[in-house]
PDB file of all heavy atoms in Angstrom:
ATOM      1  N   TYR A   1      82.408  93.584  76.735  1.00  0.00           N
ATOM      2  CA  TYR A   1      83.149  94.590  77.505  1.00  0.00           C
ATOM      3  C   TYR A   1      84.476  94.283  78.016  1.00  0.00           C
ATOM      4  O   TYR A   1      85.104  95.086  78.664  1.00  0.00           O
ATOM      5  CB  TYR A   1      82.169  94.961  78.543  1.00  0.00           C
ATOM      6  CG  TYR A   1      80.852  95.575  78.113  1.00  0.00           C
ATOM      7  CD1 TYR A   1      79.740  94.899  78.070  1.00  0.00           C
ATOM      8  CD2 TYR A   1      80.817  96.951  77.704  1.00  0.00           C
ATOM      9  CE1 TYR A   1      78.596  95.340  77.663  1.00  0.00           C
ATOM     10  CE2 TYR A   1      79.663  97.418  77.144  1.00  0.00           C
ATOM     11  CZ  TYR A   1      78.537  96.648  77.114  1.00  0.00           C
ATOM     12  OH  TYR A   1      77.431  97.143  76.712  1.00  0.00           O
ATOM     13  N   GLY A   2      84.878  93.069  77.696  1.00  0.00           N
ATOM     14  CA  GLY A   2      86.234  92.723  78.192  1.00  0.00           C
ATOM     15  C   GLY A   2      86.381  91.587  79.174  1.00  0.00           C
ATOM     16  O   GLY A   2      85.350  90.990  79.530  1.00  0.00           O
ATOM     17  N   ASP A   3      87.487  91.481  79.768  1.00  0.00           N
ATOM     18  CA  ASP A   3      87.859  90.435  80.756  1.00  0.00           C
ATOM     19  C   ASP A   3      87.202  90.688  82.161  1.00  0.00           C
ATOM     20  O   ASP A   3      86.851  89.781  82.920  1.00  0.00           O
ATOM     21  CB  ASP A   3      89.304  90.192  80.915  1.00  0.00           C
ATOM     22  CG  ASP A   3      89.885  89.625  79.712  1.00  0.00           C
ATOM     23  OD1 ASP A   3      89.241  88.943  78.843  1.00  0.00           O
ATOM     24  OD2 ASP A   3      91.160  89.724  79.552  1.00  0.00           O
ATOM     25  N   LEU A   4      87.193  92.020  82.478  1.00  0.00           N
ATOM     26  CA  LEU A   4      86.680  92.374  83.806  1.00  0.00           C
ATOM     27  C   LEU A   4      85.590  93.498  83.602  1.00  0.00           C
ATOM     28  O   LEU A   4      85.926  94.674  83.042  1.00  0.00           O
ATOM     29  CB  LEU A   4      87.849  92.902  84.677  1.00  0.00           C
ATOM     30  CG  LEU A   4      87.547  93.173  86.140  1.00  0.00           C
ATOM     31  CD1 LEU A   4      86.974  91.944  86.870  1.00  0.00           C
ATOM     32  CD2 LEU A   4      88.901  93.705  86.760  1.00  0.00           C
ATOM     33  N   VAL A   5      84.383  93.247  83.953  1.00  0.00           N
ATOM     34  CA  VAL A   5      83.224  94.165  83.682  1.00  0.00           C
ATOM     35  C   VAL A   5      82.676  94.707  84.976  1.00  0.00           C
ATOM     36  O   VAL A   5      82.283  93.858  85.843  1.00  0.00           O
ATOM     37  CB  VAL A   5      82.248  93.540  82.726  1.00  0.00           C
ATOM     38  CG1 VAL A   5      81.018  94.452  82.537  1.00  0.00           C
ATOM     39  CG2 VAL A   5      82.836  93.013  81.529  1.00  0.00           C
ATOM     40  N   ARG A   6      82.441  95.958  85.147  1.00  0.00           N
ATOM     41  CA  ARG A   6      81.733  96.557  86.321  1.00  0.00           C
ATOM     42  C   ARG A   6      80.337  96.301  86.127  1.00  0.00           C
ATOM     43  O   ARG A   6      79.679  96.762  85.092  1.00  0.00           O
ATOM     44  CB  ARG A   6      82.144  97.999  86.480  1.00  0.00           C
ATOM     45  CG  ARG A   6      81.359  98.668  87.622  1.00  0.00           C
ATOM     46  CD  ARG A   6      81.660  99.942  87.823  1.00  0.00           C
ATOM     47  NE  ARG A   6      82.940 100.022  88.604  1.00  0.00           N
ATOM     48  CZ  ARG A   6      83.442 101.151  89.066  1.00  0.00           C
ATOM     49  NH1 ARG A   6      82.973 102.247  88.802  1.00  0.00           N
ATOM     50  NH2 ARG A   6      84.503 101.086  89.734  1.00  0.00           N
ATOM     51  N   PHE A   7      79.729  95.562  86.983  1.00  0.00           N
ATOM     52  CA  PHE A   7      78.237  95.401  86.876  1.00  0.00           C
ATOM     53  C   PHE A   7      77.487  96.427  87.795  1.00  0.00           C
ATOM     54  O   PHE A   7      76.392  96.928  87.368  1.00  0.00           O
ATOM     55  CB  PHE A   7      77.944  93.908  87.427  1.00  0.00           C
ATOM     56  CG  PHE A   7      76.461  93.539  87.490  1.00  0.00           C
ATOM     57  CD1 PHE A   7      75.816  93.273  86.315  1.00  0.00           C
ATOM     58  CD2 PHE A   7      75.762  93.530  88.773  1.00  0.00           C
ATOM     59  CE1 PHE A   7      74.425  92.944  86.375  1.00  0.00           C
ATOM     60  CE2 PHE A   7      74.384  93.204  88.792  1.00  0.00           C
ATOM     61  CZ  PHE A   7      73.776  92.900  87.653  1.00  0.00           C
ATOM     62  N   ASP A   8      78.031  96.637  88.879  1.00  0.00           N
ATOM     63  CA  ASP A   8      77.291  97.532  89.969  1.00  0.00           C
ATOM     64  C   ASP A   8      78.440  98.042  90.853  1.00  0.00           C
ATOM     65  O   ASP A   8      79.460  97.582  90.763  1.00  0.00           O
ATOM     66  CB  ASP A   8      76.241  96.721  90.667  1.00  0.00           C
ATOM     67  CG  ASP A   8      75.174  97.574  91.266  1.00  0.00           C
ATOM     68  OD1 ASP A   8      75.311  98.816  91.278  1.00  0.00           O
ATOM     69  OD2 ASP A   8      74.089  97.035  91.466  1.00  0.00           O
ATOM     70  N   ASP A   9      78.043  98.884  91.771  1.00  0.00           N
ATOM     71  CA  ASP A   9      78.959  99.369  92.696  1.00  0.00           C
ATOM     72  C   ASP A   9      79.694  98.303  93.573  1.00  0.00           C
ATOM     73  O   ASP A   9      78.965  97.414  94.211  1.00  0.00           O
ATOM     74  CB  ASP A   9      78.406 100.360  93.720  1.00  0.00           C
ATOM     75  CG  ASP A   9      78.075 101.700  93.055  1.00  0.00           C
ATOM     76  OD1 ASP A   9      78.667 102.054  92.170  1.00  0.00           O
ATOM     77  OD2 ASP A   9      77.116 102.279  93.632  1.00  0.00           O
ATOM     78  N   GLY A  10      80.940  98.092  93.338  1.00  0.00           N
ATOM     79  CA  GLY A  10      81.602  96.975  94.011  1.00  0.00           C
ATOM     80  C   GLY A  10      81.473  95.529  93.484  1.00  0.00           C
ATOM     81  O   GLY A  10      81.951  94.600  94.114  1.00  0.00           O
ATOM     82  N   LEU A  11      80.711  95.431  92.460  1.00  0.00           N
ATOM     83  CA  LEU A  11      80.492  94.051  92.018  1.00  0.00           C
ATOM     84  C   LEU A  11      80.962  94.058  90.477  1.00  0.00           C
ATOM     85  O   LEU A  11      80.602  94.850  89.587  1.00  0.00           O
ATOM     86  CB  LEU A  11      78.903  93.770  91.898  1.00  0.00           C
ATOM     87  CG  LEU A  11      78.503  92.437  91.350  1.00  0.00           C
ATOM     88  CD1 LEU A  11      79.139  91.358  92.126  1.00  0.00           C
ATOM     89  CD2 LEU A  11      76.983  92.342  91.345  1.00  0.00           C
ATOM     90  N   TYR A  12      81.804  93.150  90.217  1.00  0.00           N
ATOM     91  CA  TYR A  12      82.462  92.934  88.932  1.00  0.00           C
ATOM     92  C   TYR A  12      82.210  91.514  88.412  1.00  0.00           C
ATOM     93  O   TYR A  12      82.087  90.610  89.145  1.00  0.00           O
ATOM     94  CB  TYR A  12      83.991  93.148  89.003  1.00  0.00           C
ATOM     95  CG  TYR A  12      84.409  94.534  89.264  1.00  0.00           C
ATOM     96  CD1 TYR A  12      84.373  95.036  90.525  1.00  0.00           C
ATOM     97  CD2 TYR A  12      84.672  95.373  88.264  1.00  0.00           C
ATOM     98  CE1 TYR A  12      84.693  96.330  90.872  1.00  0.00           C
ATOM     99  CE2 TYR A  12      85.066  96.690  88.490  1.00  0.00           C
ATOM    100  CZ  TYR A  12      85.030  97.182  89.854  1.00  0.00           C
ATOM    101  OH  TYR A  12      85.386  98.466  90.023  1.00  0.00           O
ATOM    102  N   MET A  13      82.123  91.365  87.161  1.00  0.00           N
ATOM    103  CA  MET A  13      82.085  90.058  86.371  1.00  0.00           C
ATOM    104  C   MET A  13      83.398  89.729  85.789  1.00  0.00           C
ATOM    105  O   MET A  13      83.968  90.619  85.126  1.00  0.00           O
ATOM    106  CB  MET A  13      80.972  90.064  85.422  1.00  0.00           C
ATOM    107  CG  MET A  13      79.609  89.964  86.128  1.00  0.00           C
ATOM    108  SD  MET A  13      78.299  89.760  84.982  1.00  0.00           S
ATOM    109  CE  MET A  13      77.962  91.491  84.500  1.00  0.00           C
ATOM    110  N   VAL A  14      83.898  88.552  85.978  1.00  0.00           N
ATOM    111  CA  VAL A  14      85.169  88.188  85.373  1.00  0.00           C
ATOM    112  C   VAL A  14      84.839  87.192  84.228  1.00  0.00           C
ATOM    113  O   VAL A  14      84.205  86.142  84.378  1.00  0.00           O
ATOM    114  CB  VAL A  14      86.029  87.452  86.518  1.00  0.00           C
ATOM    115  CG1 VAL A  14      87.442  87.141  85.865  1.00  0.00           C
ATOM    116  CG2 VAL A  14      86.246  88.396  87.704  1.00  0.00           C
ATOM    117  N   ASN A  15      85.345  87.443  83.059  1.00  0.00           N
ATOM    118  CA  ASN A  15      84.974  86.769  81.807  1.00  0.00           C
ATOM    119  C   ASN A  15      86.170  85.985  81.348  1.00  0.00           C
ATOM    120  O   ASN A  15      86.056  85.427  80.107  1.00  0.00           O
ATOM    121  CB  ASN A  15      84.481  87.766  80.682  1.00  0.00           C
ATOM    122  CG  ASN A  15      83.130  88.403  81.111  1.00  0.00           C
ATOM    123  OD1 ASN A  15      82.229  87.773  81.581  1.00  0.00           O
ATOM    124  ND2 ASN A  15      83.000  89.643  80.827  1.00  0.00           N
ATOM    125  N   SER A  16      87.226  85.768  81.968  1.00  0.00           N
ATOM    126  CA  SER A  16      88.316  85.079  81.515  1.00  0.00           C
ATOM    127  C   SER A  16      88.678  84.013  82.499  1.00  0.00           C
ATOM    128  O   SER A  16      88.965  84.297  83.734  1.00  0.00           O
ATOM    129  CB  SER A  16      89.568  86.069  81.381  1.00  0.00           C
ATOM    130  OG  SER A  16      90.794  85.262  81.321  1.00  0.00           O
ATOM    131  N   PRO A  17      88.747  82.682  82.194  1.00  0.00           N
ATOM    132  CA  PRO A  17      89.159  81.705  83.087  1.00  0.00           C
ATOM    133  C   PRO A  17      90.543  81.893  83.701  1.00  0.00           C
ATOM    134  O   PRO A  17      90.717  81.611  84.898  1.00  0.00           O
ATOM    135  CB  PRO A  17      89.124  80.410  82.145  1.00  0.00           C
ATOM    136  CG  PRO A  17      88.284  80.752  81.017  1.00  0.00           C
ATOM    137  CD  PRO A  17      88.444  82.221  80.830  1.00  0.00           C
ATOM    138  N   VAL A  18      91.384  82.484  82.881  1.00  0.00           N
ATOM    139  CA  VAL A  18      92.845  82.793  83.470  1.00  0.00           C
ATOM    140  C   VAL A  18      92.702  83.823  84.576  1.00  0.00           C
ATOM    141  O   VAL A  18      93.289  83.619  85.706  1.00  0.00           O
ATOM    142  CB  VAL A  18      93.712  83.166  82.283  1.00  0.00           C
ATOM    143  CG1 VAL A  18      95.063  83.636  82.933  1.00  0.00           C
ATOM    144  CG2 VAL A  18      93.941  82.039  81.375  1.00  0.00           C
ATOM    145  N   LEU A  19      91.821  84.884  84.306  1.00  0.00           N
ATOM    146  CA  LEU A  19      91.665  85.892  85.286  1.00  0.00           C
ATOM    147  C   LEU A  19      91.010  85.386  86.480  1.00  0.00           C
ATOM    148  O   LEU A  19      91.197  85.808  87.646  1.00  0.00           O
ATOM    149  CB  LEU A  19      91.018  87.080  84.640  1.00  0.00           C
ATOM    150  CG  LEU A  19      90.905  88.464  85.454  1.00  0.00           C
ATOM    151  CD1 LEU A  19      92.383  88.785  85.946  1.00  0.00           C
ATOM    152  CD2 LEU A  19      90.301  89.420  84.726  1.00  0.00           C
ATOM    153  N   VAL A  20      89.981  84.543  86.364  1.00  0.00           N
ATOM    154  CA  VAL A  20      89.113  83.994  87.445  1.00  0.00           C
ATOM    155  C   VAL A  20      90.199  83.209  88.397  1.00  0.00           C
ATOM    156  O   VAL A  20      90.204  83.457  89.591  1.00  0.00           O
ATOM    157  CB  VAL A  20      88.109  82.953  86.980  1.00  0.00           C
ATOM    158  CG1 VAL A  20      87.639  82.175  88.195  1.00  0.00           C
ATOM    159  CG2 VAL A  20      86.897  83.725  86.258  1.00  0.00           C
ATOM    160  N   GLU A  21      91.122  82.409  87.739  1.00  0.00           N
ATOM    161  CA  GLU A  21      92.112  81.675  88.592  1.00  0.00           C
ATOM    162  C   GLU A  21      93.000  82.693  89.199  1.00  0.00           C
ATOM    163  O   GLU A  21      93.210  82.524  90.531  1.00  0.00           O
ATOM    164  CB  GLU A  21      92.892  80.764  87.740  1.00  0.00           C
ATOM    165  CG  GLU A  21      93.833  80.036  88.532  1.00  0.00           C
ATOM    166  CD  GLU A  21      94.663  78.985  87.591  1.00  0.00           C
ATOM    167  OE1 GLU A  21      94.836  79.220  86.329  1.00  0.00           O
ATOM    168  OE2 GLU A  21      95.236  78.102  88.185  1.00  0.00           O
ATOM    169  N   GLN A  22      93.377  83.707  88.620  1.00  0.00           N
ATOM    170  CA  GLN A  22      94.227  84.723  89.377  1.00  0.00           C
ATOM    171  C   GLN A  22      93.626  85.332  90.487  1.00  0.00           C
ATOM    172  O   GLN A  22      94.072  85.497  91.562  1.00  0.00           O
ATOM    173  CB  GLN A  22      94.741  85.726  88.354  1.00  0.00           C
ATOM    174  CG  GLN A  22      95.673  86.758  88.877  1.00  0.00           C
ATOM    175  CD  GLN A  22      95.966  87.750  87.817  1.00  0.00           C
ATOM    176  OE1 GLN A  22      95.736  87.656  86.587  1.00  0.00           O
ATOM    177  NE2 GLN A  22      96.712  88.907  88.277  1.00  0.00           N
ATOM    178  N   VAL A  23      92.307  85.765  90.335  1.00  0.00           N
ATOM    179  CA  VAL A  23      91.593  86.482  91.406  1.00  0.00           C
ATOM    180  C   VAL A  23      91.434  85.566  92.552  1.00  0.00           C
ATOM    181  O   VAL A  23      91.656  85.937  93.603  1.00  0.00           O
ATOM    182  CB  VAL A  23      90.254  86.987  90.828  1.00  0.00           C
ATOM    183  CG1 VAL A  23      89.361  87.342  91.966  1.00  0.00           C
ATOM    184  CG2 VAL A  23      90.418  88.060  89.813  1.00  0.00           C
ATOM    185  N   LEU A  24      91.067  84.261  92.313  1.00  0.00           N
ATOM    186  CA  LEU A  24      90.829  83.355  93.457  1.00  0.00           C
ATOM    187  C   LEU A  24      92.079  82.981  94.162  1.00  0.00           C
ATOM    188  O   LEU A  24      92.071  82.845  95.472  1.00  0.00           O
ATOM    189  CB  LEU A  24      90.130  82.046  92.919  1.00  0.00           C
ATOM    190  CG  LEU A  24      88.651  82.215  92.381  1.00  0.00           C
ATOM    191  CD1 LEU A  24      88.190  80.979  91.790  1.00  0.00           C
ATOM    192  CD2 LEU A  24      87.871  82.753  93.477  1.00  0.00           C
ATOM    193  N   LYS A  25      93.160  82.871  93.475  1.00  0.00           N
ATOM    194  CA  LYS A  25      94.421  82.434  94.105  1.00  0.00           C
ATOM    195  C   LYS A  25      95.103  83.669  94.837  1.00  0.00           C
ATOM    196  O   LYS A  25      95.619  83.532  95.917  1.00  0.00           O
ATOM    197  CB  LYS A  25      95.436  81.866  93.106  1.00  0.00           C
ATOM    198  CG  LYS A  25      95.057  80.573  92.656  1.00  0.00           C
ATOM    199  CD  LYS A  25      96.189  80.041  91.859  1.00  0.00           C
ATOM    200  CE  LYS A  25      95.977  78.544  91.357  1.00  0.00           C
ATOM    201  NZ  LYS A  25      96.926  78.058  90.492  1.00  0.00           N
ATOM    202  N   GLU A  26      95.133  84.895  94.111  1.00  0.00           N
ATOM    203  CA  GLU A  26      95.964  85.946  94.610  1.00  0.00           C
ATOM    204  C   GLU A  26      95.107  86.943  95.524  1.00  0.00           C
ATOM    205  O   GLU A  26      95.791  87.746  96.202  1.00  0.00           O
ATOM    206  CB  GLU A  26      96.582  86.702  93.482  1.00  0.00           C
ATOM    207  CG  GLU A  26      97.549  85.766  92.682  1.00  0.00           C
ATOM    208  CD  GLU A  26      98.207  86.545  91.524  1.00  0.00           C
ATOM    209  OE1 GLU A  26      98.152  87.766  91.439  1.00  0.00           O
ATOM    210  OE2 GLU A  26      98.744  85.822  90.715  1.00  0.00           O
ATOM    211  N   HIS A  27      93.839  86.996  95.277  1.00  0.00           N
ATOM    212  CA  HIS A  27      93.079  87.969  96.088  1.00  0.00           C
ATOM    213  C   HIS A  27      91.957  87.404  96.939  1.00  0.00           C
ATOM    214  O   HIS A  27      91.075  88.125  97.207  1.00  0.00           O
ATOM    215  CB  HIS A  27      92.383  88.908  95.034  1.00  0.00           C
ATOM    216  CG  HIS A  27      93.428  89.602  94.181  1.00  0.00           C
ATOM    217  ND1 HIS A  27      94.306  90.519  94.518  1.00  0.00           N
ATOM    218  CD2 HIS A  27      93.874  89.323  92.858  1.00  0.00           C
ATOM    219  CE1 HIS A  27      95.071  90.986  93.602  1.00  0.00           C
ATOM    220  NE2 HIS A  27      94.876  90.275  92.517  1.00  0.00           N
ATOM    221  N   GLU A  28      92.098  86.143  97.299  1.00  0.00           N
ATOM    222  CA  GLU A  28      91.167  85.379  98.047  1.00  0.00           C
ATOM    223  C   GLU A  28      90.773  86.118  99.364  1.00  0.00           C
ATOM    224  O   GLU A  28      89.602  86.188  99.791  1.00  0.00           O
ATOM    225  CB  GLU A  28      91.464  83.952  98.275  1.00  0.00           C
ATOM    226  CG  GLU A  28      90.537  83.074  98.904  1.00  0.00           C
ATOM    227  CD  GLU A  28      90.475  83.145 100.461  1.00  0.00           C
ATOM    228  OE1 GLU A  28      91.609  83.524 101.103  1.00  0.00           O
ATOM    229  OE2 GLU A  28      89.439  82.931 101.097  1.00  0.00           O
ATOM    230  N   ARG A  29      91.789  86.649  99.935  1.00  0.00           N
ATOM    231  CA  ARG A  29      91.571  87.345 101.316  1.00  0.00           C
ATOM    232  C   ARG A  29      90.652  88.618 101.240  1.00  0.00           C
ATOM    233  O   ARG A  29      90.217  89.002 102.223  1.00  0.00           O
ATOM    234  CB  ARG A  29      92.900  87.652 101.962  1.00  0.00           C
ATOM    235  CG  ARG A  29      93.682  88.764 101.322  1.00  0.00           C
ATOM    236  CD  ARG A  29      95.106  88.907 101.877  1.00  0.00           C
ATOM    237  NE  ARG A  29      95.870  89.799 101.082  1.00  0.00           N
ATOM    238  CZ  ARG A  29      96.541  89.562 100.044  1.00  0.00           C
ATOM    239  NH1 ARG A  29      96.581  88.336  99.535  1.00  0.00           N
ATOM    240  NH2 ARG A  29      97.224  90.447  99.410  1.00  0.00           N
ATOM    241  N   HIS A  30      90.587  89.070 100.031  1.00  0.00           N
ATOM    242  CA  HIS A  30      89.744  90.316  99.852  1.00  0.00           C
ATOM    243  C   HIS A  30      88.366  90.081  99.454  1.00  0.00           C
ATOM    244  O   HIS A  30      87.502  91.005  99.313  1.00  0.00           O
ATOM    245  CB  HIS A  30      90.447  91.153  98.796  1.00  0.00           C
ATOM    246  CG  HIS A  30      91.784  91.671  99.065  1.00  0.00           C
ATOM    247  ND1 HIS A  30      92.058  92.486 100.199  1.00  0.00           N
ATOM    248  CD2 HIS A  30      92.959  91.328  98.617  1.00  0.00           C
ATOM    249  CE1 HIS A  30      93.351  92.712 100.177  1.00  0.00           C
ATOM    250  NE2 HIS A  30      93.935  92.042  99.238  1.00  0.00           N
ATOM    251  N   LEU A  31      87.983  88.829  99.092  1.00  0.00           N
ATOM    252  CA  LEU A  31      86.694  88.483  98.708  1.00  0.00           C
ATOM    253  C   LEU A  31      85.763  88.256  99.781  1.00  0.00           C
ATOM    254  O   LEU A  31      86.170  87.762 100.882  1.00  0.00           O
ATOM    255  CB  LEU A  31      86.739  87.187  97.824  1.00  0.00           C
ATOM    256  CG  LEU A  31      87.652  87.189  96.590  1.00  0.00           C
ATOM    257  CD1 LEU A  31      87.737  85.818  95.951  1.00  0.00           C
ATOM    258  CD2 LEU A  31      87.145  88.207  95.602  1.00  0.00           C
ATOM    259  N   ARG A  32      84.450  88.605  99.640  1.00  0.00           N
ATOM    260  CA  ARG A  32      83.500  88.314 100.637  1.00  0.00           C
ATOM    261  C   ARG A  32      83.118  86.799 100.615  1.00  0.00           C
ATOM    262  O   ARG A  32      82.934  86.212  99.543  1.00  0.00           O
ATOM    263  CB  ARG A  32      82.265  89.130 100.389  1.00  0.00           C
ATOM    264  CG  ARG A  32      82.485  90.663 100.575  1.00  0.00           C
ATOM    265  CD  ARG A  32      81.187  91.384 100.335  1.00  0.00           C
ATOM    266  NE  ARG A  32      81.459  92.857 100.141  1.00  0.00           N
ATOM    267  CZ  ARG A  32      80.537  93.580  99.746  1.00  0.00           C
ATOM    268  NH1 ARG A  32      79.399  93.333  99.550  1.00  0.00           N
ATOM    269  NH2 ARG A  32      80.907  94.800  99.572  1.00  0.00           N
ATOM    270  N   HIS A  33      82.879  86.281 101.791  1.00  0.00           N
ATOM    271  CA  HIS A  33      82.416  84.929 101.799  1.00  0.00           C
ATOM    272  C   HIS A  33      81.002  84.893 102.347  1.00  0.00           C
ATOM    273  O   HIS A  33      80.753  85.410 103.365  1.00  0.00           O
ATOM    274  CB  HIS A  33      83.307  84.160 102.820  1.00  0.00           C
ATOM    275  CG  HIS A  33      84.770  84.029 102.279  1.00  0.00           C
ATOM    276  ND1 HIS A  33      85.125  82.995 101.443  1.00  0.00           N
ATOM    277  CD2 HIS A  33      85.878  84.755 102.533  1.00  0.00           C
ATOM    278  CE1 HIS A  33      86.379  83.166 101.132  1.00  0.00           C
ATOM    279  NE2 HIS A  33      86.857  84.167 101.812  1.00  0.00           N
TER     280      HIS A  33
END
């Protein structure tokens, strides 16, 4: 399904190591802890 897949409402799976790094570095403040 690609690099970013919608699993459920508000829940996505990231299938690319490059995109994982980007999400963690650039969008960390938006992630739930």
